[in-house]
Amino acid sequence: MKWRWPVLLAALLSVSFALFGETVKLYLKDGTYQLVKEYQVLQDRVKYLSAERDEWEEIPLDLIDLNRTKQEAAAHEEQVKQEQQEDSDEKAALRQARQEADSVPDDPGVYYVHGDKLEAVTRADIVVTHDSKRTVLKIISPVPVVNGKNFVDIASTASKFRVNEDRPEFYFRLDAVEGFGMIKLTPKKSARQVETVTVEAVTNELSEQRDNVATFTKQAGDELFKIWPEKPLLPGEYALIQFSAEQGHLQVWDFGVGDPASK
């Protein structure tokens, strides 16, 4: 059988959607359409595989709105490619996140995500003040609070650990099943206030007041969490804390955003 050139050219322009395993709308000029699995534009007709009957059928080419069919098919193909790219990007991000989490040391503590590296944040010594009496804690728990109001401070005006971004990310490896979070430290004359702890005289009920920062958290492993602020942080002094209100446990890792106002 000899092919005439227009027929051969039309055959080469055949369009198939079988690769995506989906149907396409073959539009007619009257506004209706046929759902087809595949179609081929021949010299004066269109041959298509009906999605409804799963049989090859033909229809005159002059009844087909080919431009609309091609435009919708092209848009569909572009959407499929975009979804495939998004799926690929998501898988790559998950692999990177797993690799990053696997690089966090086993030692409990806080680790700043600095580019492709992790920097350990030093745990701070805290000071408890009550009725002008001062007790220095060398990272021990529980906090020795007494009846009334207690002030928990860090005895310096600025952290040595500085970050130059307003939405820093940290990994937090807990050493116990306790609460954790990010807070803003309150500046004082020669210290930074972490919290106030009030103990009721009769019931010994303990309540804590902190300037909490809204954060996003994501669990990355057993007692391993990634934490970062929901909104950009203003320049100032901040801390990550691990705590148990019932037992009075408190651990603090301080950091500063931007240049310190004083050293």
Protein backbone atom coordinates (compact mmCIF):
# COMPACT_ATOMS: atom_id res chain seq x y z
CA MET A 1 0.00 0.00 0.00
CA LYS A 2 1.36 3.42 -1.00
CA TRP A 3 0.90 6.38 1.35
CA ARG A 4 0.08 9.79 -0.08
CA TRP A 5 2.12 12.55 1.61
CA PRO A 6 -0.85 14.40 3.27
CA VAL A 7 -2.08 11.13 4.73
CA LEU A 8 1.40 10.21 5.96
CA LEU A 9 1.84 13.66 7.52
CA ALA A 10 -1.49 13.39 9.29
CA ALA A 11 -0.56 9.96 10.61
CA LEU A 12 2.69 11.31 12.01
CA LEU A 13 0.68 13.94 13.89
CA SER A 14 -1.34 11.27 15.71
CA VAL A 15 -1.83 12.02 19.39
CA SER A 16 -1.92 9.37 22.10
CA PHE A 17 -2.76 9.71 25.81
CA ALA A 18 -2.29 6.05 26.63
CA LEU A 19 0.96 6.87 28.41
CA PHE A 20 -0.92 8.69 31.18
CA GLY A 21 -3.60 5.99 31.42
CA GLU A 22 -6.28 8.67 31.30
CA THR A 23 -9.05 9.82 28.96
CA VAL A 24 -9.20 12.99 26.91
CA LYS A 25 -12.15 14.96 25.60
CA LEU A 26 -12.45 14.92 21.81
CA TYR A 27 -14.55 18.04 21.20
CA LEU A 28 -17.08 18.37 18.42
CA LYS A 29 -17.97 21.71 16.86
CA ASP A 30 -21.49 21.54 18.33
CA GLY A 31 -19.98 21.76 21.82
CA THR A 32 -20.35 18.10 22.75
CA TYR A 33 -17.42 15.72 23.16
CA GLN A 34 -16.43 12.09 23.17
CA LEU A 35 -14.30 10.62 25.96
CA VAL A 36 -11.45 8.80 24.25
CA LYS A 37 -8.33 6.96 25.34
CA GLU A 38 -6.44 7.83 22.17
CA TYR A 39 -7.11 9.54 18.87
CA GLN A 40 -5.45 9.89 15.48
CA VAL A 41 -6.01 12.68 12.96
CA LEU A 42 -6.09 11.18 9.47
CA GLN A 43 -6.63 12.91 6.11
CA ASP A 44 -10.36 13.64 6.36
CA ARG A 45 -11.39 11.92 9.56
CA VAL A 46 -10.46 11.29 13.15
CA LYS A 47 -9.99 7.76 14.41
CA TYR A 48 -10.42 7.35 18.16
CA LEU A 49 -10.53 4.65 20.81
CA SER A 50 -13.77 5.15 22.71
CA ALA A 51 -13.35 5.17 26.49
CA GLU A 52 -16.97 4.10 26.88
CA ARG A 53 -17.07 1.22 24.40
CA ASP A 54 -13.33 0.43 24.25
CA GLU A 55 -13.60 0.18 20.46
CA TRP A 56 -11.99 2.11 17.60
CA GLU A 57 -14.41 4.44 15.84
CA GLU A 58 -14.19 7.18 13.23
CA ILE A 59 -15.79 10.59 12.74
CA PRO A 60 -15.42 13.17 9.92
CA LEU A 61 -12.65 15.68 10.60
CA ASP A 62 -14.85 18.68 9.74
CA LEU A 63 -17.10 17.82 12.72
CA ILE A 64 -14.21 18.00 15.20
CA ASP A 65 -13.12 21.14 17.08
CA LEU A 66 -9.47 20.15 16.85
CA ASN A 67 -8.04 23.39 18.25
CA ARG A 68 -10.05 23.12 21.46
CA THR A 69 -9.16 19.44 21.78
CA LYS A 70 -5.44 20.13 21.33
CA GLN A 71 -5.45 23.11 23.70
CA GLU A 72 -7.12 21.15 26.48
CA ALA A 73 -4.86 18.16 25.86
CA ALA A 74 -1.77 20.40 26.02
CA ALA A 75 -3.00 22.00 29.24
CA HIS A 76 -3.65 18.57 30.72
CA GLU A 77 -0.18 17.37 29.73
CA GLU A 78 1.40 20.46 31.29
CA GLN A 79 -0.55 19.85 34.51
CA VAL A 80 0.61 16.23 34.61
CA LYS A 81 4.23 17.34 34.12
CA GLN A 82 3.88 19.94 36.87
CA GLU A 83 2.40 17.38 39.27
CA GLN A 84 5.19 14.95 38.45
CA GLN A 85 7.79 17.69 39.09
CA GLU A 86 6.15 18.63 42.39
CA ASP A 87 6.11 14.98 43.41
CA SER A 88 9.79 14.66 42.49
CA ASP A 89 10.65 17.85 44.41
CA GLU A 90 8.72 16.62 47.46
CA LYS A 91 10.53 13.28 47.45
CA ALA A 92 13.88 15.06 47.13
CA ALA A 93 12.99 17.37 50.05
CA LEU A 94 12.01 14.36 52.18
CA ARG A 95 15.31 12.63 51.38
CA GLN A 96 17.22 15.78 52.30
CA ALA A 97 15.25 16.14 55.54
CA ARG A 98 16.00 12.52 56.50
CA GLN A 99 19.70 12.98 55.75
CA GLU A 100 19.75 16.20 57.81
CA ALA A 101 17.97 14.55 60.75
CA ASP A 102 20.36 11.58 60.60
CA SER A 103 23.27 14.01 60.99
CA VAL A 104 22.01 15.35 64.35
CA PRO A 105 24.29 14.10 67.16
CA ASP A 106 22.89 11.58 69.63
CA ASP A 107 23.70 13.84 72.58
CA PRO A 108 20.62 15.68 73.94
CA GLY A 109 20.59 19.39 73.27
CA VAL A 110 19.89 22.10 70.70
CA TYR A 111 21.53 22.30 67.26
CA TYR A 112 21.28 25.30 64.96
CA VAL A 113 20.77 24.54 61.27
CA HIS A 114 23.42 26.68 59.60
CA GLY A 115 23.39 26.02 55.86
CA ASP A 116 24.36 22.39 55.40
CA LYS A 117 25.97 22.24 58.85
CA LEU A 118 24.73 21.93 62.42
CA GLU A 119 26.09 24.04 65.29
CA ALA A 120 25.58 22.97 68.89
CA VAL A 121 24.07 25.67 71.11
CA THR A 122 25.55 25.87 74.62
CA ARG A 123 23.16 25.36 77.53
CA ALA A 124 22.91 28.43 79.79
CA ASP A 125 23.40 28.75 83.52
CA ILE A 126 20.31 30.21 85.18
CA VAL A 127 19.81 32.28 88.31
CA VAL A 128 16.77 32.22 90.60
CA THR A 129 16.01 35.34 92.62
CA HIS A 130 13.50 35.49 95.50
CA ASP A 131 13.25 38.15 98.19
CA SER A 132 16.66 39.51 97.16
CA LYS A 133 18.26 36.12 97.73
CA ARG A 134 20.20 34.81 94.76
CA THR A 135 20.95 31.19 93.88
CA VAL A 136 23.15 30.31 90.90
CA LEU A 137 22.27 27.04 89.17
CA LYS A 138 24.84 25.19 87.11
CA ILE A 139 22.31 23.63 84.74
CA ILE A 140 20.61 21.57 87.42
CA SER A 141 16.98 20.67 88.04
CA PRO A 142 14.57 21.04 89.63
CA VAL A 143 14.59 24.82 89.98
CA PRO A 144 14.72 25.65 93.72
CA VAL A 145 11.66 27.87 93.99
CA VAL A 146 9.88 28.85 97.20
CA ASN A 147 6.46 30.28 98.04
CA GLY A 148 5.72 33.55 96.31
CA LYS A 149 7.18 34.93 93.08
CA ASN A 150 10.52 33.67 91.77
CA PHE A 151 12.47 35.22 88.89
CA VAL A 152 14.48 32.90 86.64
CA ASP A 153 17.23 34.79 84.78
CA ILE A 154 20.38 34.34 82.74
CA ALA A 155 23.09 36.44 84.35
CA SER A 156 24.24 38.29 81.22
CA THR A 157 22.73 40.89 78.94
CA ALA A 158 23.41 39.16 75.60
CA SER A 159 23.99 35.66 74.31
CA LYS A 160 27.33 34.75 72.80
CA PHE A 161 25.52 32.59 70.25
CA ARG A 162 24.23 34.88 67.47
CA VAL A 163 22.20 34.15 64.35
CA ASN A 164 21.84 36.52 61.41
CA GLU A 165 18.49 35.31 60.10
CA ASP A 166 15.03 36.13 61.40
CA ARG A 167 13.54 32.64 61.04
CA PRO A 168 16.30 30.35 62.34
CA GLU A 169 15.77 26.59 62.40
CA PHE A 170 16.92 24.31 65.20
CA TYR A 171 16.94 20.62 66.02
CA PHE A 172 15.97 19.79 69.59
CA ARG A 173 17.00 16.39 70.93
CA LEU A 174 15.23 15.94 74.27
CA ASP A 175 16.68 13.91 77.11
CA ALA A 176 13.22 13.16 78.53
CA VAL A 177 9.57 13.25 77.51
CA GLU A 178 9.00 16.88 78.47
CA GLY A 179 7.67 20.09 77.01
CA PHE A 180 9.82 22.33 74.86
CA GLY A 181 9.48 25.61 73.02
CA MET A 182 10.97 28.95 72.05
CA ILE A 183 10.68 32.10 74.16
CA LYS A 184 11.73 35.73 74.02
CA LEU A 185 13.96 36.80 76.90
CA THR A 186 13.06 39.97 78.77
CA PRO A 187 16.01 42.39 79.16
CA LYS A 188 16.92 43.52 82.67
CA LYS A 189 19.69 45.75 84.02
CA SER A 190 22.36 43.05 84.11
CA ALA A 191 20.48 39.93 83.06
CA ARG A 192 17.81 38.46 80.79
CA GLN A 193 14.64 37.11 82.34
CA VAL A 194 13.58 33.61 81.29
CA GLU A 195 10.36 33.37 83.30
CA THR A 196 8.64 34.06 86.56
CA VAL A 197 7.50 31.16 88.71
CA THR A 198 4.78 31.73 91.31
CA VAL A 199 4.18 29.19 94.08
CA GLU A 200 0.93 29.39 96.06
CA ALA A 201 1.54 29.35 99.83
CA VAL A 202 -1.27 26.94 100.76
CA THR A 203 -1.55 24.59 97.80
CA ASN A 204 2.07 24.79 96.61
CA GLU A 205 0.61 25.05 93.12
CA LEU A 206 3.22 26.25 90.65
CA SER A 207 2.54 28.56 87.72
CA GLU A 208 5.02 29.85 85.13
CA GLN A 209 4.86 32.98 82.98
CA ARG A 210 7.01 33.22 79.84
CA ASP A 211 7.02 35.29 76.67
CA ASN A 212 6.35 32.39 74.31
CA VAL A 213 7.19 32.56 70.60
CA ALA A 214 4.77 30.89 68.19
CA THR A 215 6.62 28.13 66.37
CA PHE A 216 6.28 25.33 63.90
CA THR A 217 7.53 21.94 65.07
CA LYS A 218 8.14 18.72 63.19
CA GLN A 219 9.12 15.40 64.72
CA ALA A 220 12.21 14.00 63.00
CA GLY A 221 12.89 10.96 65.21
CA ASP A 222 12.61 9.57 68.73
CA GLU A 223 12.61 12.65 71.00
CA LEU A 224 14.08 14.61 68.07
CA PHE A 225 12.20 17.66 66.80
CA LYS A 226 12.82 20.48 64.35
CA ILE A 227 11.56 23.86 65.53
CA TRP A 228 11.41 27.29 63.88
CA PRO A 229 9.39 30.51 64.44
CA GLU A 230 6.10 31.04 62.60
CA LYS A 231 6.94 34.70 61.98
CA PRO A 232 10.25 36.54 61.55
CA LEU A 233 11.98 37.31 64.84
CA LEU A 234 12.81 40.90 65.66
CA PRO A 235 16.41 41.60 66.75
CA GLY A 236 16.79 40.63 70.38
CA GLU A 237 17.43 37.83 72.85
CA TYR A 238 15.69 34.45 72.68
CA ALA A 239 15.99 30.94 74.04
CA LEU A 240 14.90 27.38 73.49
CA ILE A 241 13.71 25.65 76.63
CA GLN A 242 12.91 22.15 77.82
CA PHE A 243 10.67 22.01 80.84
CA SER A 244 8.38 20.00 83.09
CA ALA A 245 6.11 22.26 85.11
CA GLU A 246 5.02 19.50 87.48
CA GLN A 247 8.57 18.60 88.45
CA GLY A 248 10.05 22.08 88.15
CA HIS A 249 12.59 21.01 85.53
CA LEU A 250 13.95 23.74 83.27
CA GLN A 251 16.83 23.78 80.79
CA VAL A 252 17.68 26.81 78.66
CA TRP A 253 19.67 27.32 75.45
CA ASP A 254 19.93 31.04 74.67
CA PHE A 255 20.65 32.74 71.35
CA GLY A 256 20.51 36.25 69.95
CA VAL A 257 19.16 37.58 66.66
CA GLY A 258 21.27 40.33 65.11
CA ASP A 259 24.01 42.32 66.83
CA PRO A 260 23.69 42.54 70.63
CA ALA A 261 22.77 45.91 72.08
CA SER A 262 25.39 45.39 74.76
CA LYS A 263 27.98 42.79 75.60
